[in-house]
Structure formats: C-alpha cells, structure tokens
C-alpha cells in the first residue's frame, strides 16, 4: 500500500503540499521543477524497535528565494507497529542534515511531514524529546491524521488530493466493511466526470481509489464488475481505462498460471523421455516402456529413430 500512496503524492505533489505545509506551497517556485531524490533517500535508513525503516519520499522543493528546501514525507500506514514515530522522524531529519545539508550551498533547510493513515498508540508522544543532565532536545514536525479530517469538506473540495485523502479515510473507517468501501468507490466513479480536472488526474485518482477500496468478497466483486461494465457502456473514459488495466493484470496472472502449468507438463515429459531412453539402453521391451513412462507409441518410435541417428 505504501507504493500507492507514494505514487499519488508524487502525481499531485503541489496539491498535496497545499494540504501538508501550505506555507511551503506558497513559497514554491513553480518555474522550476520539484525533484524526487531517490538516491539520497536510501541514506535515511534508521533502526527503531525493529528492522530497518526509511521514509517514503524525499523531494527537493525549489523556493522563490532561489534556494531549495529538502522535504521528507513519510506515510505511516502501520498503526501501532513500526516503532516510535517521533523518534524515527527525528532521525530521518537529522540524518539528512548531517549527510547533505552542510555540504550544499543551494539548500536552505530540511523539513519533514508525516501523513498518518492509521491510528497510533494513545500513549505515543507527538514530538521527540530527550533530556539528560540539563541537556534538552526537542523535535516537532507537522502531521496530518486522516481520521480527524471532515469528509464533507474533502468530498466537496476542488483539490483532487482531498479526494485522495477521503479515499484513505474511507479505507480506514470502513475497516472490514467492504460494502461501505464499495459504495464510496462507486460514488467516485459517478462523480468524477463532473470535476474540472484533466484526464490524467482523474485517471490517477480513480486508480488510487480502486486500489484502496477494490472489494475482495466474491459477491461484492461480482457486483462491482457489473457496475463497471454498465458504466463502461455509458462511455466513461477513466473507467474504461481502469477496466482495461484490470483485464491486462488478470491476463498476466492467467498467463503466469498457464505458463507454470505448461512448464510443469514439459518437465514431466522430459523426465518420461529420459526414463524411456534408459530403458531402451537396457533393452527393455517397447510395451513395458510405454506402460511405465506413459508416452505415446509414436513418441517412442521417434525416440528410437533419434537414437539410431
């Protein structure tokens, strides 16, 4: 699920920034491109209460001052898992400062943001605090909690990223109730055409919502398939694209299954021919070879002929 969030945030980065850190969005120099620093992101591995962890996105955000701000974005989808979040956010930020900030004159600062898509433990602090022998270190960072957002405001918004957040909120609040998720997914399909966003934005939004809320229950999946088929006949272009993608994915899955089955059959056939060859070398009668290996009489004749050549 992390990948879905990372892709959609990159797709709607400016709109997401308006929700996450509006003051940075205001300072954004739109004449220069935002760059996603995947190589430098790999330097931010930390170990807090478990295996290695890494933030989701590191973006170089050009500002109107002429300098860049490096933004660490982390999407927390683990709920109570993953170790202490404020501590991780502190180490992500401090690691980037130590490794890169002081070496670059074109970077003015490093800032962080956390998007929480699942509730954290109630006793977890909202900041990182360390105190020892009159030394005191405090690190605070902005965050957004999906469950605290107003659904009516999100759904009436002209910012497509608000619809992204509402899809995440529906996935969280729906839990195992796939009926709630499916009803919202169908409502998105019905409403999307009326929005003034371009085709690629609508398609990306529908892909994301479908990935989060696509039903697993066979009956609901059948209902959804019928709904999509009907809407496709009505000429909804985004839905047609998503249906085609789903069909291609399913085709690939079927192809893999068929390929595996064919491969297994080929392997069995090769083993049978190898056994038949050994039995021929031992002068075993043809009837015994056919009965033992299960190969066809004409296949055995071809094998005998090839041995003579």
C-alpha atoms as a PDB file:
ATOM      1  CA  UNK A   1       0.000   0.000   0.000  1.00  0.00           C
ATOM      2  CA  UNK A   2       2.950   2.297   0.559  1.00  0.00           C
ATOM      3  CA  UNK A   3       3.609   2.364  -3.180  1.00  0.00           C
ATOM      4  CA  UNK A   4       0.082   3.559  -3.955  1.00  0.00           C
ATOM      5  CA  UNK A   5       0.466   6.476  -1.561  1.00  0.00           C
ATOM      6  CA  UNK A   6       3.920   7.379  -2.856  1.00  0.00           C
ATOM      7  CA  UNK A   7       2.783   7.394  -6.468  1.00  0.00           C
ATOM      8  CA  UNK A   8      -0.314   9.506  -5.839  1.00  0.00           C
ATOM      9  CA  UNK A   9       1.572  12.045  -3.711  1.00  0.00           C
ATOM     10  CA  UNK A  10       4.138  12.462  -6.466  1.00  0.00           C
ATOM     11  CA  UNK A  11       1.360  12.779  -9.044  1.00  0.00           C
ATOM     12  CA  UNK A  12      -0.396  15.523  -7.041  1.00  0.00           C
ATOM     13  CA  UNK A  13       2.651  16.922  -5.274  1.00  0.00           C
ATOM     14  CA  UNK A  14       1.742  20.611  -5.427  1.00  0.00           C
ATOM     15  CA  UNK A  15      -1.843  19.923  -4.315  1.00  0.00           C
ATOM     16  CA  UNK A  16      -0.582  17.633  -1.545  1.00  0.00           C
ATOM     17  CA  UNK A  17       1.856  20.306  -0.394  1.00  0.00           C
ATOM     18  CA  UNK A  18      -1.044  22.753  -0.052  1.00  0.00           C
ATOM     19  CA  UNK A  19      -2.612  20.336   2.449  1.00  0.00           C
ATOM     20  CA  UNK A  20       0.579  19.313   4.222  1.00  0.00           C
ATOM     21  CA  UNK A  21       2.619  22.521   4.547  1.00  0.00           C
ATOM     22  CA  UNK A  22       0.673  25.409   2.982  1.00  0.00           C
ATOM     23  CA  UNK A  23       3.365  27.965   3.808  1.00  0.00           C
ATOM     24  CA  UNK A  24       5.914  25.955   1.802  1.00  0.00           C
ATOM     25  CA  UNK A  25       3.404  25.595  -1.035  1.00  0.00           C
ATOM     26  CA  UNK A  26       3.093  29.387  -1.014  1.00  0.00           C
ATOM     27  CA  UNK A  27       6.889  29.731  -1.330  1.00  0.00           C
ATOM     28  CA  UNK A  28       7.115  27.151  -4.137  1.00  0.00           C
ATOM     29  CA  UNK A  29       8.827  28.468  -7.278  1.00  0.00           C
ATOM     30  CA  UNK A  30       6.673  26.919  -9.985  1.00  0.00           C
ATOM     31  CA  UNK A  31       9.086  27.996 -12.723  1.00  0.00           C
ATOM     32  CA  UNK A  32      11.428  25.226 -11.527  1.00  0.00           C
ATOM     33  CA  UNK A  33      10.652  21.531 -11.158  1.00  0.00           C
ATOM     34  CA  UNK A  34      10.323  19.597  -7.938  1.00  0.00           C
ATOM     35  CA  UNK A  35      12.856  16.752  -7.932  1.00  0.00           C
ATOM     36  CA  UNK A  36      12.420  13.448  -6.104  1.00  0.00           C
ATOM     37  CA  UNK A  37      15.758  12.358  -4.637  1.00  0.00           C
ATOM     38  CA  UNK A  38      15.508   8.572  -4.618  1.00  0.00           C
ATOM     39  CA  UNK A  39      19.271   8.031  -4.305  1.00  0.00           C
ATOM     40  CA  UNK A  40      19.658  10.299  -1.272  1.00  0.00           C
ATOM     41  CA  UNK A  41      16.510   8.755   0.230  1.00  0.00           C
ATOM     42  CA  UNK A  42      18.376   5.470   0.635  1.00  0.00           C
ATOM     43  CA  UNK A  43      20.778   7.197   3.053  1.00  0.00           C
ATOM     44  CA  UNK A  44      17.993   7.741   5.582  1.00  0.00           C
ATOM     45  CA  UNK A  45      17.712   4.183   6.902  1.00  0.00           C
ATOM     46  CA  UNK A  46      17.093   4.041  10.660  1.00  0.00           C
ATOM     47  CA  UNK A  47      16.542   1.226  13.158  1.00  0.00           C
ATOM     48  CA  UNK A  48      13.933   1.950  15.845  1.00  0.00           C
ATOM     49  CA  UNK A  49      12.434  -1.006  17.724  1.00  0.00           C
ATOM     50  CA  UNK A  50      12.847  -3.400  14.824  1.00  0.00           C
ATOM     51  CA  UNK A  51      14.091  -3.823  11.255  1.00  0.00           C
ATOM     52  CA  UNK A  52      15.374  -1.037   9.033  1.00  0.00           C
ATOM     53  CA  UNK A  53      12.947   1.724   8.164  1.00  0.00           C
ATOM     54  CA  UNK A  54      13.057   4.509   5.618  1.00  0.00           C
ATOM     55  CA  UNK A  55      10.782   7.467   4.804  1.00  0.00           C
ATOM     56  CA  UNK A  56       8.664   7.331   1.674  1.00  0.00           C
ATOM     57  CA  UNK A  57       9.579  10.458  -0.281  1.00  0.00           C
ATOM     58  CA  UNK A  58      12.458  12.925  -0.328  1.00  0.00           C
ATOM     59  CA  UNK A  59      11.709  15.944  -2.507  1.00  0.00           C
ATOM     60  CA  UNK A  60      13.844  18.918  -3.466  1.00  0.00           C
ATOM     61  CA  UNK A  61      11.396  21.813  -3.446  1.00  0.00           C
ATOM     62  CA  UNK A  62      12.549  24.992  -5.242  1.00  0.00           C
ATOM     63  CA  UNK A  63      11.518  28.180  -3.457  1.00  0.00           C
ATOM     64  CA  UNK A  64      11.160  31.787  -4.551  1.00  0.00           C
ATOM     65  CA  UNK A  65      14.293  32.678  -2.565  1.00  0.00           C
ATOM     66  CA  UNK A  66      16.367  30.863  -5.172  1.00  0.00           C
ATOM     67  CA  UNK A  67      17.344  28.149  -2.707  1.00  0.00           C
ATOM     68  CA  UNK A  68      15.832  24.697  -2.299  1.00  0.00           C
ATOM     69  CA  UNK A  69      14.149  23.080   0.667  1.00  0.00           C
ATOM     70  CA  UNK A  70      14.530  19.335   1.044  1.00  0.00           C
ATOM     71  CA  UNK A  71      11.258  17.833   2.242  1.00  0.00           C
ATOM     72  CA  UNK A  72      10.989  14.430   3.913  1.00  0.00           C
ATOM     73  CA  UNK A  73       7.488  12.982   3.505  1.00  0.00           C
ATOM     74  CA  UNK A  74       6.521   9.863   5.392  1.00  0.00           C
ATOM     75  CA  UNK A  75       3.225   7.981   5.120  1.00  0.00           C
ATOM     76  CA  UNK A  76       2.580   5.948   8.262  1.00  0.00           C
ATOM     77  CA  UNK A  77       0.262   3.048   7.480  1.00  0.00           C
ATOM     78  CA  UNK A  78       1.358   0.616  10.216  1.00  0.00           C
ATOM     79  CA  UNK A  79      -0.949   1.709  13.026  1.00  0.00           C
ATOM     80  CA  UNK A  80       0.652   0.722  16.344  1.00  0.00           C
ATOM     81  CA  UNK A  81       3.565  -1.006  14.582  1.00  0.00           C
ATOM     82  CA  UNK A  82       6.813   0.354  13.218  1.00  0.00           C
ATOM     83  CA  UNK A  83       8.332   1.665  16.426  1.00  0.00           C
ATOM     84  CA  UNK A  84       8.226   5.167  17.878  1.00  0.00           C
ATOM     85  CA  UNK A  85       7.201   7.533  15.059  1.00  0.00           C
ATOM     86  CA  UNK A  86       8.533  10.822  16.517  1.00  0.00           C
ATOM     87  CA  UNK A  87      11.894   9.183  17.124  1.00  0.00           C
ATOM     88  CA  UNK A  88      12.020   7.924  13.541  1.00  0.00           C
ATOM     89  CA  UNK A  89      11.052  11.335  12.176  1.00  0.00           C
ATOM     90  CA  UNK A  90      13.834  12.926  14.234  1.00  0.00           C
ATOM     91  CA  UNK A  91      16.453  10.533  12.910  1.00  0.00           C
ATOM     92  CA  UNK A  92      15.258  10.910   9.306  1.00  0.00           C
ATOM     93  CA  UNK A  93      15.633  14.675   9.569  1.00  0.00           C
ATOM     94  CA  UNK A  94      18.901  14.748  11.496  1.00  0.00           C
ATOM     95  CA  UNK A  95      20.492  12.128   9.231  1.00  0.00           C
ATOM     96  CA  UNK A  96      19.709  14.203   6.157  1.00  0.00           C
ATOM     97  CA  UNK A  97      21.149  17.306   7.800  1.00  0.00           C
ATOM     98  CA  UNK A  98      24.378  15.557   8.742  1.00  0.00           C
ATOM     99  CA  UNK A  99      24.844  13.806   5.407  1.00  0.00           C
ATOM    100  CA  UNK A 100      23.822  16.518   2.958  1.00  0.00           C
ATOM    101  CA  UNK A 101      22.698  19.913   4.252  1.00  0.00           C
ATOM    102  CA  UNK A 102      26.051  21.350   5.309  1.00  0.00           C
ATOM    103  CA  UNK A 103      27.668  20.231   2.067  1.00  0.00           C
ATOM    104  CA  UNK A 104      25.284  22.131  -0.192  1.00  0.00           C
ATOM    105  CA  UNK A 105      25.041  25.868  -0.560  1.00  0.00           C
ATOM    106  CA  UNK A 106      21.859  25.673  -2.634  1.00  0.00           C
ATOM    107  CA  UNK A 107      19.782  24.016   0.112  1.00  0.00           C
ATOM    108  CA  UNK A 108      18.385  26.342   2.753  1.00  0.00           C
ATOM    109  CA  UNK A 109      16.783  23.793   5.057  1.00  0.00           C
ATOM    110  CA  UNK A 110      15.444  20.291   5.670  1.00  0.00           C
ATOM    111  CA  UNK A 111      11.823  19.919   6.803  1.00  0.00           C
ATOM    112  CA  UNK A 112       9.616  16.898   7.452  1.00  0.00           C
ATOM    113  CA  UNK A 113       5.961  15.907   7.361  1.00  0.00           C
ATOM    114  CA  UNK A 114       4.068  12.764   8.390  1.00  0.00           C
ATOM    115  CA  UNK A 115       0.754  11.569   6.965  1.00  0.00           C
ATOM    116  CA  UNK A 116      -0.916   9.144   9.375  1.00  0.00           C
ATOM    117  CA  UNK A 117      -3.329   6.790   7.641  1.00  0.00           C
ATOM    118  CA  UNK A 118      -3.848   4.552  10.685  1.00  0.00           C
ATOM    119  CA  UNK A 119      -4.232   5.393  14.354  1.00  0.00           C
ATOM    120  CA  UNK A 120      -1.109   5.370  16.501  1.00  0.00           C
ATOM    121  CA  UNK A 121      -0.843   4.168  20.123  1.00  0.00           C
ATOM    122  CA  UNK A 122      -2.632   6.530  22.502  1.00  0.00           C
ATOM    123  CA  UNK A 123       0.439   6.978  24.694  1.00  0.00           C
ATOM    124  CA  UNK A 124       2.774   7.908  21.827  1.00  0.00           C
ATOM    125  CA  UNK A 125       4.078  11.476  22.089  1.00  0.00           C
ATOM    126  CA  UNK A 126       3.537  13.981  19.294  1.00  0.00           C
ATOM    127  CA  UNK A 127       7.149  15.149  19.404  1.00  0.00           C
ATOM    128  CA  UNK A 128      10.616  13.764  20.042  1.00  0.00           C
ATOM    129  CA  UNK A 129      12.036  14.741  23.440  1.00  0.00           C
ATOM    130  CA  UNK A 130      15.319  13.797  25.085  1.00  0.00           C
ATOM    131  CA  UNK A 131      16.570  15.221  28.379  1.00  0.00           C
ATOM    132  CA  UNK A 132      19.740  14.319  30.234  1.00  0.00           C
ATOM    133  CA  UNK A 133      21.990  16.271  32.626  1.00  0.00           C
ATOM    134  CA  UNK A 134      20.485  19.638  31.718  1.00  0.00           C
ATOM    135  CA  UNK A 135      20.701  18.808  28.003  1.00  0.00           C
ATOM    136  CA  UNK A 136      17.315  19.064  26.329  1.00  0.00           C
ATOM    137  CA  UNK A 137      16.498  18.155  22.737  1.00  0.00           C
ATOM    138  CA  UNK A 138      13.025  18.738  21.301  1.00  0.00           C
ATOM    139  CA  UNK A 139      11.972  17.966  17.736  1.00  0.00           C
ATOM    140  CA  UNK A 140       8.492  18.802  16.447  1.00  0.00           C
ATOM    141  CA  UNK A 141       7.127  18.270  12.963  1.00  0.00           C
ATOM    142  CA  UNK A 142       3.744  18.831  11.286  1.00  0.00           C
ATOM    143  CA  UNK A 143       1.470  15.877  10.598  1.00  0.00           C
ATOM    144  CA  UNK A 144      -1.983  15.097   9.267  1.00  0.00           C
ATOM    145  CA  UNK A 145      -4.289  12.423  10.698  1.00  0.00           C
ATOM    146  CA  UNK A 146      -6.812  11.033   8.254  1.00  0.00           C
ATOM    147  CA  UNK A 147      -9.412  10.210  10.900  1.00  0.00           C
ATOM    148  CA  UNK A 148      -9.538  13.854  12.047  1.00  0.00           C
ATOM    149  CA  UNK A 149     -10.498  15.211   8.609  1.00  0.00           C
ATOM    150  CA  UNK A 150     -14.033  16.306   7.700  1.00  0.00           C
ATOM    151  CA  UNK A 151     -15.392  14.004   4.981  1.00  0.00           C
ATOM    152  CA  UNK A 152     -17.932  16.512   3.684  1.00  0.00           C
ATOM    153  CA  UNK A 153     -15.227  19.139   3.197  1.00  0.00           C
ATOM    154  CA  UNK A 154     -12.947  16.672   1.425  1.00  0.00           C
ATOM    155  CA  UNK A 155     -15.656  15.472  -0.960  1.00  0.00           C
ATOM    156  CA  UNK A 156     -16.778  18.992  -1.872  1.00  0.00           C
ATOM    157  CA  UNK A 157     -13.223  20.225  -2.456  1.00  0.00           C
ATOM    158  CA  UNK A 158     -11.791  21.251  -5.829  1.00  0.00           C
ATOM    159  CA  UNK A 159      -8.375  19.975  -4.758  1.00  0.00           C
ATOM    160  CA  UNK A 160      -8.016  16.427  -6.179  1.00  0.00           C
ATOM    161  CA  UNK A 161      -5.710  15.490  -3.326  1.00  0.00           C
ATOM    162  CA  UNK A 162      -8.609  15.986  -0.921  1.00  0.00           C
ATOM    163  CA  UNK A 163     -10.316  13.146  -2.786  1.00  0.00           C
ATOM    164  CA  UNK A 164      -7.164  11.085  -2.262  1.00  0.00           C
ATOM    165  CA  UNK A 165      -7.375  11.763   1.467  1.00  0.00           C
ATOM    166  CA  UNK A 166     -11.069  10.872   1.532  1.00  0.00           C
ATOM    167  CA  UNK A 167     -10.336   7.530  -0.155  1.00  0.00           C
ATOM    168  CA  UNK A 168      -7.746   6.815   2.533  1.00  0.00           C
ATOM    169  CA  UNK A 169     -10.175   7.879   5.252  1.00  0.00           C
ATOM    170  CA  UNK A 170     -12.854   5.589   3.807  1.00  0.00           C
ATOM    171  CA  UNK A 171     -10.396   2.667   3.763  1.00  0.00           C
ATOM    172  CA  UNK A 172      -9.525   3.341   7.404  1.00  0.00           C
ATOM    173  CA  UNK A 173     -13.061   3.841   8.697  1.00  0.00           C
ATOM    174  CA  UNK A 174     -14.553   1.086   6.558  1.00  0.00           C
ATOM    175  CA  UNK A 175     -12.242  -1.491   8.101  1.00  0.00           C
ATOM    176  CA  UNK A 176     -13.543  -4.894   7.070  1.00  0.00           C
ATOM    177  CA  UNK A 177     -16.887  -3.491   5.931  1.00  0.00           C
ATOM    178  CA  UNK A 178     -16.404  -3.855   2.200  1.00  0.00           C
ATOM    179  CA  UNK A 179     -19.931  -2.629   1.477  1.00  0.00           C
ATOM    180  CA  UNK A 180     -19.027   0.849   2.764  1.00  0.00           C
ATOM    181  CA  UNK A 181     -15.861   0.875   0.677  1.00  0.00           C
ATOM    182  CA  UNK A 182     -17.599  -0.315  -2.476  1.00  0.00           C
ATOM    183  CA  UNK A 183     -20.390   2.241  -2.155  1.00  0.00           C
ATOM    184  CA  UNK A 184     -17.846   5.048  -1.903  1.00  0.00           C
ATOM    185  CA  UNK A 185     -15.812   3.678  -4.814  1.00  0.00           C
ATOM    186  CA  UNK A 186     -18.938   3.605  -6.986  1.00  0.00           C
ATOM    187  CA  UNK A 187     -19.825   7.162  -5.952  1.00  0.00           C
ATOM    188  CA  UNK A 188     -16.367   8.369  -7.017  1.00  0.00           C
ATOM    189  CA  UNK A 189     -16.851   6.812 -10.442  1.00  0.00           C
ATOM    190  CA  UNK A 190     -20.237   8.511 -10.807  1.00  0.00           C
ATOM    191  CA  UNK A 191     -18.982  11.951  -9.712  1.00  0.00           C
ATOM    192  CA  UNK A 192     -15.539  12.093 -11.294  1.00  0.00           C
ATOM    193  CA  UNK A 193     -16.589  13.130 -14.798  1.00  0.00           C
ATOM    194  CA  UNK A 194     -18.170  16.332 -13.481  1.00  0.00           C
ATOM    195  CA  UNK A 195     -14.903  17.565 -11.940  1.00  0.00           C
ATOM    196  CA  UNK A 196     -12.776  20.045 -13.869  1.00  0.00           C
ATOM    197  CA  UNK A 197      -9.524  18.115 -13.572  1.00  0.00           C
ATOM    198  CA  UNK A 198      -7.687  16.802 -16.609  1.00  0.00           C
ATOM    199  CA  UNK A 199      -7.957  13.208 -17.790  1.00  0.00           C
ATOM    200  CA  UNK A 200      -4.621  12.072 -16.320  1.00  0.00           C
ATOM    201  CA  UNK A 201      -5.508  13.487 -12.907  1.00  0.00           C
ATOM    202  CA  UNK A 202      -8.908  11.797 -12.898  1.00  0.00           C
ATOM    203  CA  UNK A 203      -7.394   8.514 -14.039  1.00  0.00           C
ATOM    204  CA  UNK A 204      -4.683   8.621 -11.347  1.00  0.00           C
ATOM    205  CA  UNK A 205      -7.296   9.370  -8.703  1.00  0.00           C
ATOM    206  CA  UNK A 206      -9.524   6.518  -9.848  1.00  0.00           C
ATOM    207  CA  UNK A 207      -6.606   4.070  -9.941  1.00  0.00           C
ATOM    208  CA  UNK A 208      -5.647   5.000  -6.387  1.00  0.00           C
ATOM    209  CA  UNK A 209      -9.205   4.775  -5.065  1.00  0.00           C
ATOM    210  CA  UNK A 210      -9.744   1.449  -6.831  1.00  0.00           C
ATOM    211  CA  UNK A 211      -6.503   0.052  -5.375  1.00  0.00           C
ATOM    212  CA  UNK A 212      -7.510   1.031  -1.822  1.00  0.00           C
ATOM    213  CA  UNK A 213     -11.173   0.047  -1.926  1.00  0.00           C
ATOM    214  CA  UNK A 214     -11.459  -2.745  -4.510  1.00  0.00           C
ATOM    215  CA  UNK A 215     -13.646  -5.460  -2.910  1.00  0.00           C
ATOM    216  CA  UNK A 216     -12.245  -8.889  -2.061  1.00  0.00           C
ATOM    217  CA  UNK A 217     -15.591 -10.529  -1.305  1.00  0.00           C
ATOM    218  CA  UNK A 218     -16.664 -12.593  -4.371  1.00  0.00           C
ATOM    219  CA  UNK A 219     -20.251 -11.324  -4.326  1.00  0.00           C
ATOM    220  CA  UNK A 220     -19.240  -7.675  -3.978  1.00  0.00           C
ATOM    221  CA  UNK A 221     -16.588  -8.123  -6.637  1.00  0.00           C
ATOM    222  CA  UNK A 222     -19.235  -9.502  -8.984  1.00  0.00           C
ATOM    223  CA  UNK A 223     -21.468  -6.514  -8.180  1.00  0.00           C
ATOM    224  CA  UNK A 224     -18.574  -4.137  -8.864  1.00  0.00           C
ATOM    225  CA  UNK A 225     -17.774  -5.861 -12.154  1.00  0.00           C
ATOM    226  CA  UNK A 226     -21.397  -5.446 -13.274  1.00  0.00           C
ATOM    227  CA  UNK A 227     -21.372  -1.798 -12.218  1.00  0.00           C
ATOM    228  CA  UNK A 228     -18.162  -1.097 -14.136  1.00  0.00           C
ATOM    229  CA  UNK A 229     -19.434  -2.917 -17.198  1.00  0.00           C
ATOM    230  CA  UNK A 230     -22.583  -0.795 -17.205  1.00  0.00           C
ATOM    231  CA  UNK A 231     -20.661   2.459 -16.715  1.00  0.00           C
ATOM    232  CA  UNK A 232     -18.180   1.452 -19.414  1.00  0.00           C
ATOM    233  CA  UNK A 233     -21.065   1.014 -21.855  1.00  0.00           C
ATOM    234  CA  UNK A 234     -22.112   4.545 -20.949  1.00  0.00           C
ATOM    235  CA  UNK A 235     -18.727   5.735 -22.189  1.00  0.00           C
ATOM    236  CA  UNK A 236     -16.919   6.786 -19.022  1.00  0.00           C
ATOM    237  CA  UNK A 237     -13.324   7.085 -20.339  1.00  0.00           C
ATOM    238  CA  UNK A 238     -11.497   6.840 -16.997  1.00  0.00           C
ATOM    239  CA  UNK A 239     -13.417   3.732 -16.027  1.00  0.00           C
ATOM    240  CA  UNK A 240     -12.734   2.118 -19.395  1.00  0.00           C
ATOM    241  CA  UNK A 241      -9.007   2.684 -18.834  1.00  0.00           C
ATOM    242  CA  UNK A 242      -9.083   1.148 -15.355  1.00  0.00           C
ATOM    243  CA  UNK A 243     -11.175  -1.816 -16.538  1.00  0.00           C
ATOM    244  CA  UNK A 244      -8.657  -2.431 -19.315  1.00  0.00           C
ATOM    245  CA  UNK A 245      -5.778  -2.283 -16.823  1.00  0.00           C
ATOM    246  CA  UNK A 246      -7.530  -4.758 -14.541  1.00  0.00           C
ATOM    247  CA  UNK A 247      -8.130  -7.060 -17.507  1.00  0.00           C
ATOM    248  CA  UNK A 248      -4.471  -6.844 -18.542  1.00  0.00           C
ATOM    249  CA  UNK A 249      -3.336  -7.595 -14.981  1.00  0.00           C
ATOM    250  CA  UNK A 250      -5.680 -10.579 -14.788  1.00  0.00           C
ATOM    251  CA  UNK A 251      -4.469 -11.717 -18.199  1.00  0.00           C
ATOM    252  CA  UNK A 252      -0.886 -11.625 -16.949  1.00  0.00           C
ATOM    253  CA  UNK A 253      -1.869 -13.643 -13.881  1.00  0.00           C
ATOM    254  CA  UNK A 254      -3.643 -16.219 -16.034  1.00  0.00           C
ATOM    255  CA  UNK A 255      -0.664 -16.279 -18.391  1.00  0.00           C
ATOM    256  CA  UNK A 256       1.679 -16.992 -15.492  1.00  0.00           C
ATOM    257  CA  UNK A 257      -0.594 -19.773 -14.263  1.00  0.00           C
ATOM    258  CA  UNK A 258      -0.814 -21.309 -17.734  1.00  0.00           C
ATOM    259  CA  UNK A 259       2.918 -20.923 -18.233  1.00  0.00           C
ATOM    260  CA  UNK A 260       3.619 -22.630 -14.928  1.00  0.00           C
ATOM    261  CA  UNK A 261       1.267 -25.476 -15.812  1.00  0.00           C
ATOM    262  CA  UNK A 262       2.833 -25.870 -19.258  1.00  0.00           C
ATOM    263  CA  UNK A 263       6.297 -25.769 -17.717  1.00  0.00           C
ATOM    264  CA  UNK A 264       5.381 -28.496 -15.262  1.00  0.00           C
ATOM    265  CA  UNK A 265       3.972 -30.632 -18.070  1.00  0.00           C
ATOM    266  CA  UNK A 266       7.099 -30.082 -20.172  1.00  0.00           C
ATOM    267  CA  UNK A 267       9.246 -31.069 -17.202  1.00  0.00           C
ATOM    268  CA  UNK A 268       7.231 -34.244 -16.679  1.00  0.00           C
ATOM    269  CA  UNK A 269       7.502 -35.098 -20.378  1.00  0.00           C
ATOM    270  CA  UNK A 270      11.273 -34.589 -20.354  1.00  0.00           C
ATOM    271  CA  UNK A 271      11.590 -36.888 -17.350  1.00  0.00           C
ATOM    272  CA  UNK A 272       9.479 -39.531 -19.120  1.00  0.00           C
ATOM    273  CA  UNK A 273      11.709 -39.370 -22.230  1.00  0.00           C
ATOM    274  CA  UNK A 274      14.833 -39.656 -20.061  1.00  0.00           C
ATOM    275  CA  UNK A 275      13.449 -42.785 -18.382  1.00  0.00           C
ATOM    276  CA  UNK A 276      12.439 -44.225 -21.766  1.00  0.00           C
ATOM    277  CA  UNK A 277      15.966 -43.644 -23.099  1.00  0.00           C
ATOM    278  CA  UNK A 278      17.485 -45.504 -20.165  1.00  0.00           C
ATOM    279  CA  UNK A 279      15.023 -48.375 -20.605  1.00  0.00           C
ATOM    280  CA  UNK A 280      15.855 -48.589 -24.332  1.00  0.00           C
ATOM    281  CA  UNK A 281      19.539 -48.703 -23.438  1.00  0.00           C
ATOM    282  CA  UNK A 282      18.723 -51.619 -21.133  1.00  0.00           C
ATOM    283  CA  UNK A 283      16.922 -53.420 -23.994  1.00  0.00           C
ATOM    284  CA  UNK A 284      13.561 -53.291 -22.244  1.00  0.00           C
ATOM    285  CA  UNK A 285      10.554 -54.247 -24.452  1.00  0.00           C
ATOM    286  CA  UNK A 286       8.504 -51.433 -26.021  1.00  0.00           C
ATOM    287  CA  UNK A 287       5.296 -52.477 -24.267  1.00  0.00           C
ATOM    288  CA  UNK A 288       6.972 -52.184 -20.879  1.00  0.00           C
ATOM    289  CA  UNK A 289       8.441 -48.767 -21.736  1.00  0.00           C
ATOM    290  CA  UNK A 290       5.065 -47.426 -22.908  1.00  0.00           C
ATOM    291  CA  UNK A 291       3.311 -48.740 -19.827  1.00  0.00           C
ATOM    292  CA  UNK A 292       5.955 -47.423 -17.419  1.00  0.00           C
ATOM    293  CA  UNK A 293       6.545 -43.927 -18.881  1.00  0.00           C
ATOM    294  CA  UNK A 294       3.105 -43.096 -20.261  1.00  0.00           C
ATOM    295  CA  UNK A 295       4.487 -41.634 -23.501  1.00  0.00           C
ATOM    296  CA  UNK A 296       2.636 -42.208 -26.787  1.00  0.00           C
ATOM    297  CA  UNK A 297       3.710 -45.045 -29.159  1.00  0.00           C
ATOM    298  CA  UNK A 298       4.641 -42.543 -31.907  1.00  0.00           C
ATOM    299  CA  UNK A 299       6.763 -40.608 -29.407  1.00  0.00           C
ATOM    300  CA  UNK A 300       8.617 -43.795 -28.520  1.00  0.00           C
ATOM    301  CA  UNK A 301       9.146 -44.553 -32.224  1.00  0.00           C
ATOM    302  CA  UNK A 302      10.619 -41.064 -32.725  1.00  0.00           C
ATOM    303  CA  UNK A 303      12.899 -41.594 -29.742  1.00  0.00           C
ATOM    304  CA  UNK A 304      14.120 -44.938 -31.133  1.00  0.00           C
ATOM    305  CA  UNK A 305      14.772 -43.327 -34.523  1.00  0.00           C
ATOM    306  CA  UNK A 306      16.726 -40.461 -32.965  1.00  0.00           C
ATOM    307  CA  UNK A 307      18.933 -42.902 -31.059  1.00  0.00           C
ATOM    308  CA  UNK A 308      19.789 -44.702 -34.282  1.00  0.00           C
ATOM    309  CA  UNK A 309      20.850 -41.394 -35.880  1.00  0.00           C
END
